[in-house]
Structures are given as structure tokens and as C-alpha cells.
C-alpha atoms as a PDB file:
ATOM      1  CA  MET A   1      10.221 -16.818  -1.571  1.00  0.00           C
ATOM      2  CA  LEU A   2      10.638 -16.976  -6.066  1.00  0.00           C
ATOM      3  CA  GLY A   3       7.386 -17.971  -5.669  1.00  0.00           C
ATOM      4  CA  GLU A   4       5.924 -14.392  -3.583  1.00  0.00           C
ATOM      5  CA  LEU A   5       7.800 -12.867  -6.643  1.00  0.00           C
ATOM      6  CA  LYS A   6       6.771 -14.019  -9.640  1.00  0.00           C
ATOM      7  CA  ALA A   7       3.543 -13.258  -8.224  1.00  0.00           C
ATOM      8  CA  PHE A   8       3.894  -9.123  -7.328  1.00  0.00           C
ATOM      9  CA  GLU A   9       5.362  -9.457 -11.434  1.00  0.00           C
ATOM     10  CA  LYS A  10       2.323 -10.867 -12.209  1.00  0.00           C
ATOM     11  CA  TYR A  11       0.136  -8.638 -10.211  1.00  0.00           C
ATOM     12  CA  ARG A  12       2.001  -5.907 -11.254  1.00  0.00           C
ATOM     13  CA  THR A  13       1.362  -6.635 -15.006  1.00  0.00           C
ATOM     14  CA  ILE A  14      -2.568  -6.433 -13.838  1.00  0.00           C
ATOM     15  CA  TYR A  15      -2.025  -3.162 -12.461  1.00  0.00           C
ATOM     16  CA  LEU A  16      -0.265  -1.486 -15.415  1.00  0.00           C
ATOM     17  CA  ASN A  17      -3.399  -2.794 -17.410  1.00  0.00           C
ATOM     18  CA  ILE A  18      -6.538  -2.458 -14.893  1.00  0.00           C
ATOM     19  CA  ARG A  19      -8.596   0.129 -15.125  1.00  0.00           C
ATOM     20  CA  PRO A  20      -8.207   3.288 -12.353  1.00  0.00           C
ATOM     21  CA  GLU A  21     -10.633   2.244  -9.881  1.00  0.00           C
ATOM     22  CA  PHE A  22      -9.493  -0.903  -9.214  1.00  0.00           C
ATOM     23  CA  ARG A  23      -5.641  -0.119  -8.622  1.00  0.00           C
ATOM     24  CA  SER A  24      -5.607   0.214  -4.989  1.00  0.00           C
ATOM     25  CA  ALA A  25      -6.936  -2.897  -3.956  1.00  0.00           C
ATOM     26  CA  VAL A  26      -4.338  -4.693  -6.659  1.00  0.00           C
ATOM     27  CA  PHE A  27      -1.439  -2.637  -4.793  1.00  0.00           C
ATOM     28  CA  GLU A  28      -2.547  -3.694  -1.427  1.00  0.00           C
ATOM     29  CA  ILE A  29      -2.172  -7.133  -3.106  1.00  0.00           C
ATOM     30  CA  MET A  30       0.908  -6.507  -4.662  1.00  0.00           C
ATOM     31  CA  THR A  31       2.298  -4.975  -1.185  1.00  0.00           C
ATOM     32  CA  ASP A  32       1.081  -8.327   0.700  1.00  0.00           C
ATOM     33  CA  GLU A  33       3.214  -9.923  -2.087  1.00  0.00           C
ATOM     34  CA  ILE A  34       6.476  -8.047  -0.979  1.00  0.00           C
ATOM     35  CA  LYS A  35       5.913  -8.352   2.712  1.00  0.00           C
ATOM     36  CA  HIS A  36       5.349 -12.100   2.115  1.00  0.00           C
ATOM     37  CA  ALA A  37       8.810 -12.211   0.640  1.00  0.00           C
ATOM     38  CA  GLY A  38      10.821 -10.270   3.059  1.00  0.00           C
ATOM     39  CA  TYR A  39       9.075 -12.713   5.618  1.00  0.00           C
ATOM     40  CA  TYR A  40      10.838 -16.082   3.608  1.00  0.00           C
ATOM     41  CA  ASN A  41      13.952 -13.973   3.447  1.00  0.00           C
ATOM     42  CA  TRP A  42      13.664 -13.219   7.251  1.00  0.00           C
ATOM     43  CA  LEU A  43      13.102 -16.718   8.084  1.00  0.00           C
ATOM     44  CA  TYR A  44      15.864 -17.864   5.701  1.00  0.00           C
ATOM     45  CA  ALA A  45      18.748 -15.663   7.410  1.00  0.00           C
ATOM     46  CA  LYS A  46      17.625 -16.646  10.614  1.00  0.00           C
ATOM     47  CA  ASN A  47      17.486 -20.430  10.085  1.00  0.00           C
ATOM     48  CA  LYS A  48      20.833 -20.648   7.658  1.00  0.00           C
ATOM     49  CA  ARG A  49      24.032 -21.876  10.177  1.00  0.00           C
END
């Protein structure tokens, strides 16, 4: 999960420094990373006993 969040931070830096015409593609990647982190968090919480 931490790897996904770290990747999000990397893509956020890219997003802020990229030409506007490419921002939508990077934004989609960023949202995927957050979604993956959510999935990992759900799996961890579900299997923690």
C-alpha cells in the first residue's frame, strides 16, 4: 500500500510540471494508484484478525 501512495506522490509531481495537454493521462494514472492503495487497504483490513 505504501508503494502505491509513494507512486501517487511521484505522479503528482509529474502532473504539476507537465504540459496541460498531457495532464488528463497522468491524472488517470494517479487515480489508479489511489484505487490500488484502497484495494490493498481493504485486503489488509479484511484479513487482519
